[in-house]
Amino acid sequence: MTEVARDRDSRGLVAEAASAEFAEHGYAGARTERIAQRAGVNKQLLYYYFGSKAELYDGVMEAAARKLQDATQEAEPQPGTAGEVLRAKLTAVFEVLSRSPELARLLVRSTFDPGSAASERPARQLAAGFARVISQGQGMGYFRDDVDPETAARQAVVLVVGYLALEASLEEGPAESRRATWIQSACDLLVRSLSW
């Protein structure tokens, strides 16, 4: 393995371990010692790559925001009605988060980590993307114009992220069948509430 490949691998291992640690313990409860141990690297390597725990956290949250943004951009059907676009985006985010429950927990935990602009980025970007679709749908006459797009978009984020964060305490039975039913119902609820 080349020096560059080893460097990238170590950095990736640190970022992965940090994501798991922050999802489990939040920013305040996360420990750099545990992150280094999870990554199988020396603690000083964390500081070499990221400078501080705060910068590491910001990096993890920025990566989470990119992952969610990529999922919603890839999901947009061409062409499609506003309802179809919104359903596709909601479903894409739900699928990404259900395949990565750690990411859903990270988003929920981040709401309790004040002071970091990066901690707010994933949820705000999701809401902004949903709000754009809703606004465009209003402009084309698909959605009611008496609905505030930002409020509806925040509700969409809560429907998707909230369910996955609380799933274990809400239901019993195989997760896959519950998830498929939930996202279909959540999409129906949101699109119907927006439609004329």
Foldseek 3Di string as FASTA:
>chain_A
DDPVVVLVLLVVLLLVLLLLQCLVQNLVGRDLVSSCVSSVHDSVSCCVVQVDSLSSLLVSLVVLQVVLVVQLVVQADPPDALLSSLLSSLVSNLVVCVVPVSSLSQLVSLVVVPDRPSSCRNLVSQLVVQLVSLVVNVVVQFFDPVDRSSVLSNVSSCLRSVCSVCVVVPDDDDPVVVSVVSSVVSSCVSSVVGGD
